[in-house]
PDB file of all heavy atoms in Angstrom:
ATOM      1  N   ILE A   1       0.814  -1.165   0.018  1.00  0.00           N
ATOM      2  CA  ILE A   1       0.007  -0.013   0.037  1.00  0.00           C
ATOM      3  C   ILE A   1       0.902   1.256  -0.026  1.00  0.00           C
ATOM      4  O   ILE A   1       0.513   2.266  -0.609  1.00  0.00           O
ATOM      5  CB  ILE A   1      -1.053   0.033   1.107  1.00  0.00           C
ATOM      6  CG1 ILE A   1      -2.086   1.170   0.960  1.00  0.00           C
ATOM      7  CG2 ILE A   1      -0.372   0.092   2.487  1.00  0.00           C
ATOM      8  CD1 ILE A   1      -3.242   0.999   1.940  1.00  0.00           C
ATOM      9  N   PHE A   2       2.018   1.241   0.658  1.00  0.00           N
ATOM     10  CA  PHE A   2       2.902   2.386   0.626  1.00  0.00           C
ATOM     11  C   PHE A   2       3.550   2.587  -0.692  1.00  0.00           C
ATOM     12  O   PHE A   2       3.691   3.718  -1.200  1.00  0.00           O
ATOM     13  CB  PHE A   2       3.995   2.325   1.780  1.00  0.00           C
ATOM     14  CG  PHE A   2       3.477   2.098   3.189  1.00  0.00           C
ATOM     15  CD1 PHE A   2       4.246   1.509   4.108  1.00  0.00           C
ATOM     16  CD2 PHE A   2       2.162   2.321   3.495  1.00  0.00           C
ATOM     17  CE1 PHE A   2       3.847   1.244   5.470  1.00  0.00           C
ATOM     18  CE2 PHE A   2       1.733   2.113   4.815  1.00  0.00           C
ATOM     19  CZ  PHE A   2       2.527   1.544   5.721  1.00  0.00           C
ATOM     20  N   ASP A   3       3.932   1.505  -1.274  1.00  0.00           N
ATOM     21  CA  ASP A   3       4.630   1.512  -2.599  1.00  0.00           C
ATOM     22  C   ASP A   3       3.698   1.973  -3.640  1.00  0.00           C
ATOM     23  O   ASP A   3       4.032   2.800  -4.514  1.00  0.00           O
ATOM     24  CB  ASP A   3       5.238   0.175  -3.024  1.00  0.00           C
ATOM     25  CG  ASP A   3       6.311  -0.310  -2.118  1.00  0.00           C
ATOM     26  OD1 ASP A   3       6.945   0.560  -1.460  1.00  0.00           O
ATOM     27  OD2 ASP A   3       6.610  -1.506  -2.096  1.00  0.00           O
ATOM     28  N   VAL A   4       2.407   1.534  -3.620  1.00  0.00           N
ATOM     29  CA  VAL A   4       1.413   1.987  -4.512  1.00  0.00           C
ATOM     30  C   VAL A   4       1.131   3.441  -4.348  1.00  0.00           C
ATOM     31  O   VAL A   4       1.040   4.202  -5.264  1.00  0.00           O
ATOM     32  CB  VAL A   4       0.164   1.124  -4.411  1.00  0.00           C
ATOM     33  CG1 VAL A   4      -1.010   1.642  -5.170  1.00  0.00           C
ATOM     34  CG2 VAL A   4       0.392  -0.297  -4.885  1.00  0.00           C
ATOM     35  N   ALA A   5       1.015   3.896  -3.094  1.00  0.00           N
ATOM     36  CA  ALA A   5       0.717   5.206  -2.845  1.00  0.00           C
ATOM     37  C   ALA A   5       1.764   6.164  -3.347  1.00  0.00           C
ATOM     38  O   ALA A   5       1.646   7.140  -3.956  1.00  0.00           O
ATOM     39  CB  ALA A   5       0.556   5.481  -1.258  1.00  0.00           C
ATOM     40  N   LEU A   6       3.115   5.739  -3.158  1.00  0.00           N
ATOM     41  CA  LEU A   6       4.178   6.506  -3.608  1.00  0.00           C
ATOM     42  C   LEU A   6       4.092   6.641  -5.150  1.00  0.00           C
ATOM     43  O   LEU A   6       4.408   7.706  -5.729  1.00  0.00           O
ATOM     44  CB  LEU A   6       5.511   5.958  -3.199  1.00  0.00           C
ATOM     45  CG  LEU A   6       6.803   6.748  -3.677  1.00  0.00           C
ATOM     46  CD1 LEU A   6       6.773   8.143  -3.256  1.00  0.00           C
ATOM     47  CD2 LEU A   6       8.085   5.989  -3.111  1.00  0.00           C
ATOM     48  N   GLY A   7       3.842   5.581  -5.818  1.00  0.00           N
ATOM     49  CA  GLY A   7       3.701   5.645  -7.268  1.00  0.00           C
ATOM     50  C   GLY A   7       2.655   6.652  -7.673  1.00  0.00           C
ATOM     51  O   GLY A   7       2.843   7.422  -8.648  1.00  0.00           O
ATOM     52  N   ILE A   8       1.502   6.617  -7.015  1.00  0.00           N
ATOM     53  CA  ILE A   8       0.482   7.584  -7.308  1.00  0.00           C
ATOM     54  C   ILE A   8       0.880   9.035  -7.043  1.00  0.00           C
ATOM     55  O   ILE A   8       0.607   9.875  -7.963  1.00  0.00           O
ATOM     56  CB  ILE A   8      -0.853   7.231  -6.536  1.00  0.00           C
ATOM     57  CG1 ILE A   8      -1.317   5.922  -7.102  1.00  0.00           C
ATOM     58  CG2 ILE A   8      -1.902   8.278  -6.756  1.00  0.00           C
ATOM     59  CD1 ILE A   8      -2.517   5.280  -6.330  1.00  0.00           C
ATOM     60  N   TRP A   9       1.567   9.267  -5.880  1.00  0.00           N
ATOM     61  CA  TRP A   9       2.053  10.598  -5.627  1.00  0.00           C
ATOM     62  C   TRP A   9       3.097  11.017  -6.688  1.00  0.00           C
ATOM     63  O   TRP A   9       3.232  12.210  -6.996  1.00  0.00           O
ATOM     64  CB  TRP A   9       2.627  10.761  -4.218  1.00  0.00           C
ATOM     65  CG  TRP A   9       1.717  11.412  -3.248  1.00  0.00           C
ATOM     66  CD1 TRP A   9       1.607  12.752  -3.020  1.00  0.00           C
ATOM     67  CD2 TRP A   9       0.707  10.781  -2.386  1.00  0.00           C
ATOM     68  NE1 TRP A   9       0.645  12.976  -2.005  1.00  0.00           N
ATOM     69  CE2 TRP A   9       0.054  11.771  -1.641  1.00  0.00           C
ATOM     70  CE3 TRP A   9       0.304   9.427  -2.182  1.00  0.00           C
ATOM     71  CZ2 TRP A   9      -0.932  11.530  -0.709  1.00  0.00           C
ATOM     72  CZ3 TRP A   9      -0.732   9.232  -1.318  1.00  0.00           C
ATOM     73  CH2 TRP A   9      -1.306  10.204  -0.516  1.00  0.00           C
ATOM     74  N   PHE A  10       3.827  10.055  -7.200  1.00  0.00           N
ATOM     75  CA  PHE A  10       4.745  10.293  -8.226  1.00  0.00           C
ATOM     76  C   PHE A  10       4.158  10.609  -9.643  1.00  0.00           C
ATOM     77  O   PHE A  10       4.804  11.040 -10.515  1.00  0.00           O
ATOM     78  CB  PHE A  10       5.707   9.073  -8.354  1.00  0.00           C
ATOM     79  CG  PHE A  10       6.888   9.277  -9.248  1.00  0.00           C
ATOM     80  CD1 PHE A  10       7.899  10.231  -9.037  1.00  0.00           C
ATOM     81  CD2 PHE A  10       6.983   8.486 -10.386  1.00  0.00           C
ATOM     82  CE1 PHE A  10       8.973  10.322  -9.926  1.00  0.00           C
ATOM     83  CE2 PHE A  10       8.142   8.567 -11.217  1.00  0.00           C
ATOM     84  CZ  PHE A  10       9.100   9.578 -10.996  1.00  0.00           C
ATOM     85  N   GLY A  11       2.878  10.309  -9.707  1.00  0.00           N
ATOM     86  CA  GLY A  11       2.122  10.563 -10.953  1.00  0.00           C
ATOM     87  C   GLY A  11       1.781   9.309 -11.792  1.00  0.00           C
ATOM     88  O   GLY A  11       1.266   9.489 -12.988  1.00  0.00           O
ATOM     89  N   GLN A  12       1.988   8.203 -11.305  1.00  0.00           N
ATOM     90  CA  GLN A  12       1.784   6.884 -11.968  1.00  0.00           C
ATOM     91  C   GLN A  12       0.341   6.452 -11.630  1.00  0.00           C
ATOM     92  O   GLN A  12      -0.215   6.750 -10.579  1.00  0.00           O
ATOM     93  CB  GLN A  12       2.687   5.816 -11.591  1.00  0.00           C
ATOM     94  CG  GLN A  12       4.170   6.287 -11.921  1.00  0.00           C
ATOM     95  CD  GLN A  12       4.400   6.414 -13.425  1.00  0.00           C
ATOM     96  OE1 GLN A  12       4.049   5.550 -14.219  1.00  0.00           O
ATOM     97  NE2 GLN A  12       4.943   7.577 -13.740  1.00  0.00           N
ATOM     98  N   PRO A  13      -0.331   5.705 -12.518  1.00  0.00           N
ATOM     99  CA  PRO A  13      -1.658   5.131 -12.221  1.00  0.00           C
ATOM    100  C   PRO A  13      -1.448   4.012 -11.121  1.00  0.00           C
ATOM    101  O   PRO A  13      -0.360   3.432 -11.024  1.00  0.00           O
ATOM    102  CB  PRO A  13      -2.099   4.567 -13.486  1.00  0.00           C
ATOM    103  CG  PRO A  13      -0.918   4.348 -14.357  1.00  0.00           C
ATOM    104  CD  PRO A  13       0.116   5.457 -13.936  1.00  0.00           C
ATOM    105  N   SER A  14      -2.472   3.797 -10.369  1.00  0.00           N
ATOM    106  CA  SER A  14      -2.374   2.793  -9.370  1.00  0.00           C
ATOM    107  C   SER A  14      -2.120   1.410  -9.996  1.00  0.00           C
ATOM    108  O   SER A  14      -2.715   1.031 -11.011  1.00  0.00           O
ATOM    109  CB  SER A  14      -3.747   2.697  -8.609  1.00  0.00           C
ATOM    110  OG  SER A  14      -3.693   1.663  -7.611  1.00  0.00           O
ATOM    111  N   THR A  15      -1.203   0.630  -9.373  1.00  0.00           N
ATOM    112  CA  THR A  15      -0.998  -0.734  -9.822  1.00  0.00           C
ATOM    113  C   THR A  15      -1.778  -1.647  -8.943  1.00  0.00           C
ATOM    114  O   THR A  15      -1.631  -2.935  -9.065  1.00  0.00           O
ATOM    115  CB  THR A  15       0.512  -1.026  -9.671  1.00  0.00           C
ATOM    116  OG1 THR A  15       1.014  -0.779  -8.283  1.00  0.00           O
ATOM    117  CG2 THR A  15       1.375  -0.139 -10.569  1.00  0.00           C
ATOM    118  N   LEU A  16      -2.532  -1.135  -7.995  1.00  0.00           N
ATOM    119  CA  LEU A  16      -3.361  -1.987  -7.203  1.00  0.00           C
ATOM    120  C   LEU A  16      -4.875  -1.625  -7.471  1.00  0.00           C
ATOM    121  O   LEU A  16      -5.230  -0.450  -7.422  1.00  0.00           O
ATOM    122  CB  LEU A  16      -3.116  -1.754  -5.688  1.00  0.00           C
ATOM    123  CG  LEU A  16      -3.728  -2.487  -4.674  1.00  0.00           C
ATOM    124  CD1 LEU A  16      -3.457  -4.031  -4.798  1.00  0.00           C
ATOM    125  CD2 LEU A  16      -3.304  -2.062  -3.262  1.00  0.00           C
ATOM    126  N   CYS A  17      -5.651  -2.566  -7.874  1.00  0.00           N
ATOM    127  CA  CYS A  17      -6.949  -2.285  -8.357  1.00  0.00           C
ATOM    128  C   CYS A  17      -7.867  -1.575  -7.322  1.00  0.00           C
ATOM    129  O   CYS A  17      -8.676  -0.714  -7.671  1.00  0.00           O
ATOM    130  CB  CYS A  17      -7.720  -3.552  -8.828  1.00  0.00           C
ATOM    131  SG  CYS A  17      -7.970  -4.814  -7.420  1.00  0.00           S
ATOM    132  N   VAL A  18      -7.592  -1.761  -5.979  1.00  0.00           N
ATOM    133  CA  VAL A  18      -8.368  -1.133  -4.971  1.00  0.00           C
ATOM    134  C   VAL A  18      -8.357   0.371  -5.192  1.00  0.00           C
ATOM    135  O   VAL A  18      -9.381   1.042  -4.923  1.00  0.00           O
ATOM    136  CB  VAL A  18      -7.777  -1.596  -3.605  1.00  0.00           C
ATOM    137  CG1 VAL A  18      -8.416  -0.735  -2.462  1.00  0.00           C
ATOM    138  CG2 VAL A  18      -7.898  -3.041  -3.347  1.00  0.00           C
ATOM    139  N   PHE A  19      -7.304   0.944  -5.552  1.00  0.00           N
ATOM    140  CA  PHE A  19      -7.115   2.371  -5.669  1.00  0.00           C
ATOM    141  C   PHE A  19      -7.195   2.930  -7.117  1.00  0.00           C
ATOM    142  O   PHE A  19      -7.016   4.152  -7.313  1.00  0.00           O
ATOM    143  CB  PHE A  19      -5.830   2.893  -4.950  1.00  0.00           C
ATOM    144  CG  PHE A  19      -5.826   2.468  -3.536  1.00  0.00           C
ATOM    145  CD1 PHE A  19      -4.851   1.717  -2.955  1.00  0.00           C
ATOM    146  CD2 PHE A  19      -6.835   2.833  -2.690  1.00  0.00           C
ATOM    147  CE1 PHE A  19      -4.840   1.244  -1.707  1.00  0.00           C
ATOM    148  CE2 PHE A  19      -6.917   2.461  -1.346  1.00  0.00           C
ATOM    149  CZ  PHE A  19      -5.924   1.645  -0.834  1.00  0.00           C
ATOM    150  N   ALA A  20      -7.374   2.067  -8.091  1.00  0.00           N
ATOM    151  CA  ALA A  20      -7.491   2.473  -9.424  1.00  0.00           C
ATOM    152  C   ALA A  20      -8.824   3.212  -9.616  1.00  0.00           C
ATOM    153  O   ALA A  20      -9.791   2.920  -8.825  1.00  0.00           O
ATOM    154  CB  ALA A  20      -7.418   1.291 -10.438  1.00  0.00           C
ATOM    155  N   GLU A  21      -8.891   4.075 -10.582  1.00  0.00           N
ATOM    156  CA  GLU A  21     -10.092   4.813 -10.832  1.00  0.00           C
ATOM    157  C   GLU A  21     -11.237   3.905 -11.262  1.00  0.00           C
ATOM    158  O   GLU A  21     -12.446   4.113 -10.933  1.00  0.00           O
ATOM    159  CB  GLU A  21      -9.836   5.956 -11.836  1.00  0.00           C
ATOM    160  CG  GLU A  21     -11.071   6.824 -12.098  1.00  0.00           C
ATOM    161  CD  GLU A  21     -10.872   7.905 -13.128  1.00  0.00           C
ATOM    162  OE1 GLU A  21     -10.023   7.716 -14.029  1.00  0.00           O
ATOM    163  OE2 GLU A  21     -11.599   8.921 -13.076  1.00  0.00           O
ATOM    164  N   THR A  22     -10.933   2.929 -12.001  1.00  0.00           N
ATOM    165  CA  THR A  22     -11.937   2.048 -12.452  1.00  0.00           C
ATOM    166  C   THR A  22     -11.481   0.539 -12.148  1.00  0.00           C
ATOM    167  O   THR A  22     -10.351   0.314 -11.839  1.00  0.00           O
ATOM    168  CB  THR A  22     -12.192   2.114 -13.969  1.00  0.00           C
ATOM    169  OG1 THR A  22     -11.003   1.807 -14.676  1.00  0.00           O
ATOM    170  CG2 THR A  22     -12.695   3.486 -14.398  1.00  0.00           C
ATOM    171  N   CYS A  23     -12.429  -0.395 -12.333  1.00  0.00           N
ATOM    172  CA  CYS A  23     -12.187  -1.809 -12.052  1.00  0.00           C
ATOM    173  C   CYS A  23     -12.130  -2.557 -13.356  1.00  0.00           C
ATOM    174  O   CYS A  23     -12.366  -1.960 -14.418  1.00  0.00           O
ATOM    175  CB  CYS A  23     -13.266  -2.383 -11.151  1.00  0.00           C
ATOM    176  SG  CYS A  23     -13.312  -1.896  -9.410  1.00  0.00           S
ATOM    177  N   GLY A  24     -11.943  -3.894 -13.191  1.00  0.00           N
ATOM    178  CA  GLY A  24     -12.135  -4.662 -14.355  1.00  0.00           C
ATOM    179  C   GLY A  24     -10.918  -5.314 -14.935  1.00  0.00           C
ATOM    180  O   GLY A  24     -11.065  -6.139 -15.822  1.00  0.00           O
ATOM    181  N   ASN A  25      -9.743  -4.995 -14.394  1.00  0.00           N
ATOM    182  CA  ASN A  25      -8.515  -5.609 -14.873  1.00  0.00           C
ATOM    183  C   ASN A  25      -8.109  -6.835 -14.173  1.00  0.00           C
ATOM    184  O   ASN A  25      -7.147  -7.509 -14.514  1.00  0.00           O
ATOM    185  CB  ASN A  25      -7.394  -4.578 -14.892  1.00  0.00           C
ATOM    186  CG  ASN A  25      -7.689  -3.515 -15.891  1.00  0.00           C
ATOM    187  OD1 ASN A  25      -8.257  -3.635 -16.922  1.00  0.00           O
ATOM    188  ND2 ASN A  25      -7.197  -2.269 -15.565  1.00  0.00           N
ATOM    189  N   GLY A  26      -8.812  -7.199 -13.117  1.00  0.00           N
ATOM    190  CA  GLY A  26      -8.386  -8.348 -12.296  1.00  0.00           C
ATOM    191  C   GLY A  26      -9.513  -9.460 -12.384  1.00  0.00           C
ATOM    192  O   GLY A  26     -10.056  -9.871 -11.397  1.00  0.00           O
ATOM    193  N   VAL A  27      -9.705  -9.944 -13.595  1.00  0.00           N
ATOM    194  CA  VAL A  27     -10.713 -11.012 -13.771  1.00  0.00           C
ATOM    195  C   VAL A  27     -10.243 -12.295 -12.989  1.00  0.00           C
ATOM    196  O   VAL A  27      -9.065 -12.413 -12.739  1.00  0.00           O
ATOM    197  CB  VAL A  27     -11.043 -11.226 -15.230  1.00  0.00           C
ATOM    198  CG1 VAL A  27     -11.644 -10.092 -15.893  1.00  0.00           C
ATOM    199  CG2 VAL A  27      -9.770 -11.670 -15.987  1.00  0.00           C
ATOM    200  N   ILE A  28     -11.171 -13.137 -12.753  1.00  0.00           N
ATOM    201  CA  ILE A  28     -10.850 -14.400 -12.174  1.00  0.00           C
ATOM    202  C   ILE A  28     -11.402 -15.535 -13.036  1.00  0.00           C
ATOM    203  O   ILE A  28     -12.575 -15.527 -13.552  1.00  0.00           O
ATOM    204  CB  ILE A  28     -11.434 -14.502 -10.724  1.00  0.00           C
ATOM    205  CG1 ILE A  28     -10.966 -15.763 -10.004  1.00  0.00           C
ATOM    206  CG2 ILE A  28     -12.947 -14.433 -10.709  1.00  0.00           C
ATOM    207  CD1 ILE A  28      -9.574 -15.746  -9.500  1.00  0.00           C
ATOM    208  N   LEU A  29     -10.458 -16.508 -13.234  1.00  0.00           N
ATOM    209  CA  LEU A  29     -10.863 -17.682 -14.031  1.00  0.00           C
ATOM    210  C   LEU A  29     -10.992 -18.902 -13.124  1.00  0.00           C
ATOM    211  O   LEU A  29     -10.053 -19.211 -12.375  1.00  0.00           O
ATOM    212  CB  LEU A  29      -9.794 -17.873 -15.135  1.00  0.00           C
ATOM    213  CG  LEU A  29     -10.005 -19.071 -16.034  1.00  0.00           C
ATOM    214  CD1 LEU A  29     -11.245 -18.888 -16.934  1.00  0.00           C
ATOM    215  CD2 LEU A  29      -8.766 -19.236 -16.974  1.00  0.00           C
ATOM    216  N   GLU A  30     -12.045 -19.563 -13.122  1.00  0.00           N
ATOM    217  CA  GLU A  30     -12.282 -20.734 -12.357  1.00  0.00           C
ATOM    218  C   GLU A  30     -11.795 -22.032 -13.122  1.00  0.00           C
ATOM    219  O   GLU A  30     -11.622 -21.892 -14.375  1.00  0.00           O
ATOM    220  CB  GLU A  30     -13.724 -20.946 -12.044  1.00  0.00           C
ATOM    221  CG  GLU A  30     -14.283 -19.837 -11.042  1.00  0.00           C
ATOM    222  CD  GLU A  30     -13.745 -20.101  -9.592  1.00  0.00           C
ATOM    223  OE1 GLU A  30     -13.732 -21.241  -9.121  1.00  0.00           O
ATOM    224  OE2 GLU A  30     -13.348 -19.122  -9.011  1.00  0.00           O
ATOM    225  N   HIS A  31     -11.633 -23.089 -12.484  1.00  0.00           N
ATOM    226  CA  HIS A  31     -11.118 -24.298 -13.010  1.00  0.00           C
ATOM    227  C   HIS A  31     -11.940 -24.870 -14.211  1.00  0.00           C
ATOM    228  O   HIS A  31     -11.431 -25.474 -15.068  1.00  0.00           O
ATOM    229  CB  HIS A  31     -10.950 -25.434 -11.983  1.00  0.00           C
ATOM    230  CG  HIS A  31     -12.230 -25.937 -11.489  1.00  0.00           C
ATOM    231  ND1 HIS A  31     -13.119 -25.187 -10.588  1.00  0.00           N
ATOM    232  CD2 HIS A  31     -12.867 -27.077 -11.791  1.00  0.00           C
ATOM    233  CE1 HIS A  31     -14.138 -25.910 -10.358  1.00  0.00           C
ATOM    234  NE2 HIS A  31     -14.102 -27.025 -11.063  1.00  0.00           N
ATOM    235  N   ASN A  32     -13.175 -24.540 -14.181  1.00  0.00           N
ATOM    236  CA  ASN A  32     -14.108 -25.018 -15.228  1.00  0.00           C
ATOM    237  C   ASN A  32     -14.210 -24.124 -16.434  1.00  0.00           C
ATOM    238  O   ASN A  32     -14.968 -24.375 -17.300  1.00  0.00           O
ATOM    239  CB  ASN A  32     -15.456 -25.293 -14.595  1.00  0.00           C
ATOM    240  CG  ASN A  32     -16.146 -24.069 -14.188  1.00  0.00           C
ATOM    241  OD1 ASN A  32     -15.550 -23.014 -14.233  1.00  0.00           O
ATOM    242  ND2 ASN A  32     -17.416 -24.184 -13.761  1.00  0.00           N
ATOM    243  N   GLY A  33     -13.426 -23.045 -16.417  1.00  0.00           N
ATOM    244  CA  GLY A  33     -13.479 -22.088 -17.561  1.00  0.00           C
ATOM    245  C   GLY A  33     -14.360 -20.821 -17.319  1.00  0.00           C
ATOM    246  O   GLY A  33     -14.401 -19.970 -18.140  1.00  0.00           O
TER     247      GLY A  33
END
């Protein structure tokens, strides 16, 4: 959380979905497809 925060203060987009502006990049695939 500190590393992600520093990245954001540095001007980078969040690398952690929790703090990203939008969701949807962390899909989940189950064993059955």
